[in-house]
Amino acid sequence: MTKNELFDRIVKILKDSFEIEPVRITPEARLYDDLDIDSIDAVDLIVQLKPLLGRNLQPEAFKSVRTVQDIVDVVHGLMPGQAAA
C-alpha cells in the first residue's frame, strides 16, 4: 500500500469514526489541535489501524505522532514489506 492509499484509508477512518469533515483532514492537520482528537480517540484510532498491519500496534509507536502525516509515516513503516520511513 502506498502512502497516498494509506492517507485515504486514514481519512475514511477519521470521517466515519470521528465524524470529522474530510476537508479538515490534511497531511499537516494536527490531531489534537486541528481535529479535536483526544487520547481516547487516539487509542480507538490505533485499534482501527490494526487490520492494515495484521498485528497489534504498540502505543509507544505513536508517542511522536502529532499530525495525520505522522500517522501515515508510522503505519507505513510498520507495514509488512515496507522499509521504515
PDB file of N, CA and C in Angstrom:
ATOM      1  N   MET A   1       0.848  -1.175   0.000  1.00  0.00           N
ATOM      2  CA  MET A   1       0.000   0.000   0.000  1.00  0.00           C
ATOM      3  C   MET A   1       0.896   1.241   0.000  1.00  0.00           C
ATOM      4  N   THR A   2       0.583   2.173  -0.874  1.00  0.00           N
ATOM      5  CA  THR A   2       1.363   3.407  -0.939  1.00  0.00           C
ATOM      6  C   THR A   2       0.959   4.342   0.200  1.00  0.00           C
ATOM      7  N   LYS A   3       1.775   5.351   0.425  1.00  0.00           N
ATOM      8  CA  LYS A   3       1.439   6.333   1.452  1.00  0.00           C
ATOM      9  C   LYS A   3       0.165   7.094   1.086  1.00  0.00           C
ATOM     10  N   ASN A   4      -0.058   7.341  -0.199  1.00  0.00           N
ATOM     11  CA  ASN A   4      -1.283   8.029  -0.618  1.00  0.00           C
ATOM     12  C   ASN A   4      -2.513   7.173  -0.337  1.00  0.00           C
ATOM     13  N   GLU A   5      -2.417   5.877  -0.607  1.00  0.00           N
ATOM     14  CA  GLU A   5      -3.534   4.972  -0.320  1.00  0.00           C
ATOM     15  C   GLU A   5      -3.781   4.889   1.181  1.00  0.00           C
ATOM     16  N   LEU A   6      -2.718   4.857   1.947  1.00  0.00           N
ATOM     17  CA  LEU A   6      -2.835   4.820   3.395  1.00  0.00           C
ATOM     18  C   LEU A   6      -3.469   6.105   3.918  1.00  0.00           C
ATOM     19  N   PHE A   7      -3.065   7.238   3.379  1.00  0.00           N
ATOM     20  CA  PHE A   7      -3.675   8.513   3.765  1.00  0.00           C
ATOM     21  C   PHE A   7      -5.182   8.471   3.508  1.00  0.00           C
ATOM     22  N   ASP A   8      -5.590   7.965   2.345  1.00  0.00           N
ATOM     23  CA  ASP A   8      -7.014   7.875   2.019  1.00  0.00           C
ATOM     24  C   ASP A   8      -7.760   6.992   3.014  1.00  0.00           C
ATOM     25  N   ARG A   9      -7.150   5.884   3.438  1.00  0.00           N
ATOM     26  CA  ARG A   9      -7.777   4.997   4.424  1.00  0.00           C
ATOM     27  C   ARG A   9      -7.922   5.700   5.765  1.00  0.00           C
ATOM     28  N   ILE A  10      -6.903   6.448   6.157  1.00  0.00           N
ATOM     29  CA  ILE A  10      -6.952   7.167   7.428  1.00  0.00           C
ATOM     30  C   ILE A  10      -8.015   8.254   7.380  1.00  0.00           C
ATOM     31  N   VAL A  11      -8.129   8.950   6.260  1.00  0.00           N
ATOM     32  CA  VAL A  11      -9.188   9.955   6.097  1.00  0.00           C
ATOM     33  C   VAL A  11     -10.550   9.298   6.288  1.00  0.00           C
ATOM     34  N   LYS A  12     -10.754   8.134   5.691  1.00  0.00           N
ATOM     35  CA  LYS A  12     -12.033   7.428   5.813  1.00  0.00           C
ATOM     36  C   LYS A  12     -12.314   7.054   7.270  1.00  0.00           C
ATOM     37  N   ILE A  13     -11.304   6.557   7.971  1.00  0.00           N
ATOM     38  CA  ILE A  13     -11.480   6.208   9.384  1.00  0.00           C
ATOM     39  C   ILE A  13     -11.847   7.449  10.194  1.00  0.00           C
ATOM     40  N   LEU A  14     -11.124   8.538   9.992  1.00  0.00           N
ATOM     41  CA  LEU A  14     -11.401   9.765  10.744  1.00  0.00           C
ATOM     42  C   LEU A  14     -12.788  10.312  10.428  1.00  0.00           C
ATOM     43  N   LYS A  15     -13.185  10.222   9.169  1.00  0.00           N
ATOM     44  CA  LYS A  15     -14.506  10.708   8.758  1.00  0.00           C
ATOM     45  C   LYS A  15     -15.608   9.833   9.340  1.00  0.00           C
ATOM     46  N   ASP A  16     -15.477   8.522   9.168  1.00  0.00           N
ATOM     47  CA  ASP A  16     -16.532   7.605   9.578  1.00  0.00           C
ATOM     48  C   ASP A  16     -16.622   7.426  11.088  1.00  0.00           C
ATOM     49  N   SER A  17     -15.497   7.343  11.758  1.00  0.00           N
ATOM     50  CA  SER A  17     -15.495   7.040  13.187  1.00  0.00           C
ATOM     51  C   SER A  17     -15.583   8.271  14.079  1.00  0.00           C
ATOM     52  N   PHE A  18     -15.024   9.373  13.613  1.00  0.00           N
ATOM     53  CA  PHE A  18     -14.962  10.560  14.457  1.00  0.00           C
ATOM     54  C   PHE A  18     -15.746  11.736  13.887  1.00  0.00           C
ATOM     55  N   GLU A  19     -16.436  11.486  12.775  1.00  0.00           N
ATOM     56  CA  GLU A  19     -17.297  12.490  12.137  1.00  0.00           C
ATOM     57  C   GLU A  19     -16.555  13.795  11.846  1.00  0.00           C
ATOM     58  N   ILE A  20     -15.330  13.653  11.377  1.00  0.00           N
ATOM     59  CA  ILE A  20     -14.528  14.816  11.001  1.00  0.00           C
ATOM     60  C   ILE A  20     -14.737  15.068   9.515  1.00  0.00           C
ATOM     61  N   GLU A  21     -15.002  16.311   9.164  1.00  0.00           N
ATOM     62  CA  GLU A  21     -15.203  16.654   7.757  1.00  0.00           C
ATOM     63  C   GLU A  21     -13.912  16.402   6.988  1.00  0.00           C
ATOM     64  N   PRO A  22     -13.998  15.669   5.871  1.00  0.00           N
ATOM     65  CA  PRO A  22     -12.790  15.347   5.101  1.00  0.00           C
ATOM     66  C   PRO A  22     -11.968  16.566   4.693  1.00  0.00           C
ATOM     67  N   VAL A  23     -12.614  17.704   4.475  1.00  0.00           N
ATOM     68  CA  VAL A  23     -11.882  18.904   4.061  1.00  0.00           C
ATOM     69  C   VAL A  23     -10.902  19.356   5.155  1.00  0.00           C
ATOM     70  N   ARG A  24     -11.175  19.001   6.411  1.00  0.00           N
ATOM     71  CA  ARG A  24     -10.290  19.371   7.521  1.00  0.00           C
ATOM     72  C   ARG A  24      -9.090  18.441   7.648  1.00  0.00           C
ATOM     73  N   ILE A  25      -9.169  17.270   7.003  1.00  0.00           N
ATOM     74  CA  ILE A  25      -8.134  16.249   7.168  1.00  0.00           C
ATOM     75  C   ILE A  25      -7.082  16.405   6.075  1.00  0.00           C
ATOM     76  N   THR A  26      -6.011  17.069   6.433  1.00  0.00           N
ATOM     77  CA  THR A  26      -4.880  17.258   5.523  1.00  0.00           C
ATOM     78  C   THR A  26      -3.661  16.583   6.151  1.00  0.00           C
ATOM     79  N   PRO A  27      -2.624  16.341   5.378  1.00  0.00           N
ATOM     80  CA  PRO A  27      -1.428  15.741   5.979  1.00  0.00           C
ATOM     81  C   PRO A  27      -0.866  16.569   7.138  1.00  0.00           C
ATOM     82  N   GLU A  28      -1.001  17.882   7.058  1.00  0.00           N
ATOM     83  CA  GLU A  28      -0.449  18.767   8.086  1.00  0.00           C
ATOM     84  C   GLU A  28      -1.377  18.960   9.274  1.00  0.00           C
ATOM     85  N   ALA A  29      -2.611  18.466   9.198  1.00  0.00           N
ATOM     86  CA  ALA A  29      -3.582  18.669  10.278  1.00  0.00           C
ATOM     87  C   ALA A  29      -3.075  18.029  11.568  1.00  0.00           C
ATOM     88  N   ARG A  30      -3.080  18.823  12.633  1.00  0.00           N
ATOM     89  CA  ARG A  30      -2.654  18.330  13.941  1.00  0.00           C
ATOM     90  C   ARG A  30      -3.833  17.618  14.598  1.00  0.00           C
ATOM     91  N   LEU A  31      -3.585  16.409  15.058  1.00  0.00           N
ATOM     92  CA  LEU A  31      -4.661  15.583  15.591  1.00  0.00           C
ATOM     93  C   LEU A  31      -5.380  16.248  16.752  1.00  0.00           C
ATOM     94  N   TYR A  32      -4.637  16.709  17.738  1.00  0.00           N
ATOM     95  CA  TYR A  32      -5.253  17.246  18.943  1.00  0.00           C
ATOM     96  C   TYR A  32      -5.771  18.663  18.748  1.00  0.00           C
ATOM     97  N   ASP A  33      -5.018  19.495  18.067  1.00  0.00           N
ATOM     98  CA  ASP A  33      -5.392  20.902  17.930  1.00  0.00           C
ATOM     99  C   ASP A  33      -6.375  21.161  16.800  1.00  0.00           C
ATOM    100  N   ASP A  34      -6.129  20.575  15.636  1.00  0.00           N
ATOM    101  CA  ASP A  34      -6.954  20.871  14.463  1.00  0.00           C
ATOM    102  C   ASP A  34      -8.160  19.942  14.318  1.00  0.00           C
ATOM    103  N   LEU A  35      -7.993  18.683  14.724  1.00  0.00           N
ATOM    104  CA  LEU A  35      -9.063  17.702  14.508  1.00  0.00           C
ATOM    105  C   LEU A  35      -9.791  17.316  15.790  1.00  0.00           C
ATOM    106  N   ASP A  36      -9.380  17.899  16.910  1.00  0.00           N
ATOM    107  CA  ASP A  36     -10.026  17.650  18.205  1.00  0.00           C
ATOM    108  C   ASP A  36     -10.040  16.177  18.601  1.00  0.00           C
ATOM    109  N   ILE A  37      -8.977  15.465  18.258  1.00  0.00           N
ATOM    110  CA  ILE A  37      -8.821  14.073  18.674  1.00  0.00           C
ATOM    111  C   ILE A  37      -8.260  14.089  20.095  1.00  0.00           C
ATOM    112  N   ASP A  38      -8.903  13.357  21.016  1.00  0.00           N
ATOM    113  CA  ASP A  38      -8.365  13.271  22.369  1.00  0.00           C
ATOM    114  C   ASP A  38      -7.662  11.927  22.550  1.00  0.00           C
ATOM    115  N   SER A  39      -7.151  11.672  23.735  1.00  0.00           N
ATOM    116  CA  SER A  39      -6.360  10.458  23.953  1.00  0.00           C
ATOM    117  C   SER A  39      -7.196   9.193  23.793  1.00  0.00           C
ATOM    118  N   ILE A  40      -8.459   9.229  24.177  1.00  0.00           N
ATOM    119  CA  ILE A  40      -9.344   8.071  23.997  1.00  0.00           C
ATOM    120  C   ILE A  40      -9.559   7.820  22.509  1.00  0.00           C
ATOM    121  N   ASP A  41      -9.789   8.883  21.753  1.00  0.00           N
ATOM    122  CA  ASP A  41      -9.944   8.748  20.298  1.00  0.00           C
ATOM    123  C   ASP A  41      -8.672   8.186  19.669  1.00  0.00           C
ATOM    124  N   ALA A  42      -7.523   8.617  20.167  1.00  0.00           N
ATOM    125  CA  ALA A  42      -6.252   8.140  19.614  1.00  0.00           C
ATOM    126  C   ALA A  42      -6.107   6.635  19.806  1.00  0.00           C
ATOM    127  N   VAL A  43      -6.519   6.132  20.972  1.00  0.00           N
ATOM    128  CA  VAL A  43      -6.477   4.687  21.217  1.00  0.00           C
ATOM    129  C   VAL A  43      -7.423   3.976  20.262  1.00  0.00           C
ATOM    130  N   ASP A  44      -8.616   4.523  20.069  1.00  0.00           N
ATOM    131  CA  ASP A  44      -9.578   3.930  19.139  1.00  0.00           C
ATOM    132  C   ASP A  44      -9.013   3.916  17.718  1.00  0.00           C
ATOM    133  N   LEU A  45      -8.341   4.969  17.339  1.00  0.00           N
ATOM    134  CA  LEU A  45      -7.726   5.037  16.014  1.00  0.00           C
ATOM    135  C   LEU A  45      -6.667   3.947  15.851  1.00  0.00           C
ATOM    136  N   ILE A  46      -5.858   3.746  16.876  1.00  0.00           N
ATOM    137  CA  ILE A  46      -4.840   2.689  16.836  1.00  0.00           C
ATOM    138  C   ILE A  46      -5.495   1.329  16.632  1.00  0.00           C
ATOM    139  N   VAL A  47      -6.588   1.083  17.341  1.00  0.00           N
ATOM    140  CA  VAL A  47      -7.312  -0.190  17.201  1.00  0.00           C
ATOM    141  C   VAL A  47      -7.820  -0.353  15.772  1.00  0.00           C
ATOM    142  N   GLN A  48      -8.319   0.711  15.179  1.00  0.00           N
ATOM    143  CA  GLN A  48      -8.858   0.636  13.820  1.00  0.00           C
ATOM    144  C   GLN A  48      -7.771   0.484  12.757  1.00  0.00           C
ATOM    145  N   LEU A  49      -6.555   0.843  13.085  1.00  0.00           N
ATOM    146  CA  LEU A  49      -5.449   0.686  12.139  1.00  0.00           C
ATOM    147  C   LEU A  49      -4.874  -0.730  12.149  1.00  0.00           C
ATOM    148  N   LYS A  50      -5.194  -1.500  13.175  1.00  0.00           N
ATOM    149  CA  LYS A  50      -4.658  -2.860  13.306  1.00  0.00           C
ATOM    150  C   LYS A  50      -4.881  -3.719  12.062  1.00  0.00           C
ATOM    151  N   PRO A  51      -6.069  -3.716  11.445  1.00  0.00           N
ATOM    152  CA  PRO A  51      -6.266  -4.564  10.259  1.00  0.00           C
ATOM    153  C   PRO A  51      -5.315  -4.238   9.103  1.00  0.00           C
ATOM    154  N   LEU A  52      -4.855  -3.016   9.027  1.00  0.00           N
ATOM    155  CA  LEU A  52      -3.918  -2.654   7.967  1.00  0.00           C
ATOM    156  C   LEU A  52      -2.566  -3.337   8.150  1.00  0.00           C
ATOM    157  N   LEU A  53      -2.236  -3.625   9.398  1.00  0.00           N
ATOM    158  CA  LEU A  53      -0.938  -4.222   9.696  1.00  0.00           C
ATOM    159  C   LEU A  53      -1.020  -5.719   9.953  1.00  0.00           C
ATOM    160  N   GLY A  54      -2.207  -6.186  10.326  1.00  0.00           N
ATOM    161  CA  GLY A  54      -2.355  -7.592  10.652  1.00  0.00           C
ATOM    162  C   GLY A  54      -1.768  -7.952  12.005  1.00  0.00           C
ATOM    163  N   ARG A  55      -1.524  -6.948  12.829  1.00  0.00           N
ATOM    164  CA  ARG A  55      -0.995  -7.183  14.172  1.00  0.00           C
ATOM    165  C   ARG A  55      -1.321  -5.978  15.037  1.00  0.00           C
ATOM    166  N   ASN A  56      -1.155  -6.162  16.337  1.00  0.00           N
ATOM    167  CA  ASN A  56      -1.401  -5.062  17.255  1.00  0.00           C
ATOM    168  C   ASN A  56      -0.349  -3.975  17.091  1.00  0.00           C
ATOM    169  N   LEU A  57      -0.789  -2.764  17.246  1.00  0.00           N
ATOM    170  CA  LEU A  57       0.125  -1.622  17.253  1.00  0.00           C
ATOM    171  C   LEU A  57       0.439  -1.282  18.699  1.00  0.00           C
ATOM    172  N   GLN A  58       1.681  -1.050  18.977  1.00  0.00           N
ATOM    173  CA  GLN A  58       2.066  -0.653  20.322  1.00  0.00           C
ATOM    174  C   GLN A  58       1.884   0.856  20.464  1.00  0.00           C
ATOM    175  N   PRO A  59       1.228   1.286  21.536  1.00  0.00           N
ATOM    176  CA  PRO A  59       1.026   2.728  21.728  1.00  0.00           C
ATOM    177  C   PRO A  59       2.327   3.523  21.699  1.00  0.00           C
ATOM    178  N   GLU A  60       3.443   2.900  22.096  1.00  0.00           N
ATOM    179  CA  GLU A  60       4.728   3.602  22.088  1.00  0.00           C
ATOM    180  C   GLU A  60       5.099   4.089  20.689  1.00  0.00           C
ATOM    181  N   ALA A  61       4.647   3.351  19.676  1.00  0.00           N
ATOM    182  CA  ALA A  61       4.959   3.729  18.291  1.00  0.00           C
ATOM    183  C   ALA A  61       4.317   5.062  17.924  1.00  0.00           C
ATOM    184  N   PHE A  62       3.299   5.451  18.689  1.00  0.00           N
ATOM    185  CA  PHE A  62       2.557   6.663  18.365  1.00  0.00           C
ATOM    186  C   PHE A  62       2.894   7.838  19.270  1.00  0.00           C
ATOM    187  N   LYS A  63       3.889   7.692  20.122  1.00  0.00           N
ATOM    188  CA  LYS A  63       4.231   8.787  21.035  1.00  0.00           C
ATOM    189  C   LYS A  63       4.632  10.058  20.311  1.00  0.00           C
ATOM    190  N   SER A  64       5.280   9.927  19.164  1.00  0.00           N
ATOM    191  CA  SER A  64       5.745  11.112  18.435  1.00  0.00           C
ATOM    192  C   SER A  64       4.745  11.603  17.396  1.00  0.00           C
ATOM    193  N   VAL A  65       3.611  10.931  17.280  1.00  0.00           N
ATOM    194  CA  VAL A  65       2.608  11.299  16.280  1.00  0.00           C
ATOM    195  C   VAL A  65       1.894  12.575  16.703  1.00  0.00           C
ATOM    196  N   ARG A  66       1.903  13.552  15.808  1.00  0.00           N
ATOM    197  CA  ARG A  66       1.210  14.819  16.062  1.00  0.00           C
ATOM    198  C   ARG A  66       0.260  15.187  14.926  1.00  0.00           C
ATOM    199  N   THR A  67       0.585  14.749  13.713  1.00  0.00           N
ATOM    200  CA  THR A  67      -0.208  15.121  12.539  1.00  0.00           C
ATOM    201  C   THR A  67      -0.707  13.871  11.816  1.00  0.00           C
ATOM    202  N   VAL A  68      -1.601  14.081  10.870  1.00  0.00           N
ATOM    203  CA  VAL A  68      -2.093  12.978  10.049  1.00  0.00           C
ATOM    204  C   VAL A  68      -0.930  12.354   9.277  1.00  0.00           C
ATOM    205  N   GLN A  69      -0.021  13.171   8.767  1.00  0.00           N
ATOM    206  CA  GLN A  69       1.131  12.627   8.043  1.00  0.00           C
ATOM    207  C   GLN A  69       2.008  11.775   8.951  1.00  0.00           C
ATOM    208  N   ASP A  70       2.115  12.142  10.220  1.00  0.00           N
ATOM    209  CA  ASP A  70       2.869  11.315  11.167  1.00  0.00           C
ATOM    210  C   ASP A  70       2.261   9.920  11.266  1.00  0.00           C
ATOM    211  N   ILE A  71       0.930   9.844  11.293  1.00  0.00           N
ATOM    212  CA  ILE A  71       0.257   8.535  11.328  1.00  0.00           C
ATOM    213  C   ILE A  71       0.616   7.744  10.083  1.00  0.00           C
ATOM    214  N   VAL A  72       0.503   8.386   8.932  1.00  0.00           N
ATOM    215  CA  VAL A  72       0.826   7.721   7.665  1.00  0.00           C
ATOM    216  C   VAL A  72       2.252   7.174   7.713  1.00  0.00           C
ATOM    217  N   ASP A  73       3.193   7.990   8.141  1.00  0.00           N
ATOM    218  CA  ASP A  73       4.598   7.582   8.153  1.00  0.00           C
ATOM    219  C   ASP A  73       4.845   6.412   9.106  1.00  0.00           C
ATOM    220  N   VAL A  74       4.277   6.481  10.312  1.00  0.00           N
ATOM    221  CA  VAL A  74       4.480   5.413  11.294  1.00  0.00           C
ATOM    222  C   VAL A  74       3.852   4.112  10.811  1.00  0.00           C
ATOM    223  N   VAL A  75       2.593   4.176  10.383  1.00  0.00           N
ATOM    224  CA  VAL A  75       1.905   2.957   9.953  1.00  0.00           C
ATOM    225  C   VAL A  75       2.578   2.374   8.712  1.00  0.00           C
ATOM    226  N   HIS A  76       2.930   3.218   7.772  1.00  0.00           N
ATOM    227  CA  HIS A  76       3.587   2.732   6.553  1.00  0.00           C
ATOM    228  C   HIS A  76       4.901   2.030   6.900  1.00  0.00           C
ATOM    229  N   GLY A  77       5.650   2.585   7.825  1.00  0.00           N
ATOM    230  CA  GLY A  77       6.908   1.977   8.233  1.00  0.00           C
ATOM    231  C   GLY A  77       6.741   0.643   8.939  1.00  0.00           C
ATOM    232  N   LEU A  78       5.571   0.424   9.549  1.00  0.00           N
ATOM    233  CA  LEU A  78       5.310  -0.822  10.269  1.00  0.00           C
ATOM    234  C   LEU A  78       4.649  -1.888   9.405  1.00  0.00           C
ATOM    235  N   MET A  79       4.222  -1.503   8.208  1.00  0.00           N
ATOM    236  CA  MET A  79       3.533  -2.457   7.344  1.00  0.00           C
ATOM    237  C   MET A  79       4.505  -3.524   6.853  1.00  0.00           C
ATOM    238  N   PRO A  80       4.025  -4.761   6.734  1.00  0.00           N
ATOM    239  CA  PRO A  80       4.896  -5.829   6.227  1.00  0.00           C
ATOM    240  C   PRO A  80       5.466  -5.468   4.857  1.00  0.00           C
ATOM    241  N   GLY A  81       6.752  -5.685   4.695  1.00  0.00           N
ATOM    242  CA  GLY A  81       7.398  -5.436   3.409  1.00  0.00           C
ATOM    243  C   GLY A  81       7.773  -3.995   3.158  1.00  0.00           C
ATOM    244  N   GLN A  82       7.561  -3.124   4.138  1.00  0.00           N
ATOM    245  CA  GLN A  82       7.892  -1.710   3.966  1.00  0.00           C
ATOM    246  C   GLN A  82       9.133  -1.376   4.771  1.00  0.00           C
ATOM    247  N   ALA A  83       9.974  -0.574   4.203  1.00  0.00           N
ATOM    248  CA  ALA A  83      11.126  -0.058   4.940  1.00  0.00           C
ATOM    249  C   ALA A  83      10.644   1.055   5.844  1.00  0.00           C
ATOM    250  N   ALA A  84      11.261   1.231   6.958  1.00  0.00           N
ATOM    251  CA  ALA A  84      10.882   2.309   7.873  1.00  0.00           C
ATOM    252  C   ALA A  84      11.076   3.646   7.184  1.00  0.00           C
ATOM    253  N   ALA A  85      10.118   4.533   7.409  1.00  0.00           N
ATOM    254  CA  ALA A  85      10.170   5.854   6.765  1.00  0.00           C
ATOM    255  C   ALA A  85      11.106   6.772   7.503  1.00  0.00           C
TER     256      ALA A  85
END
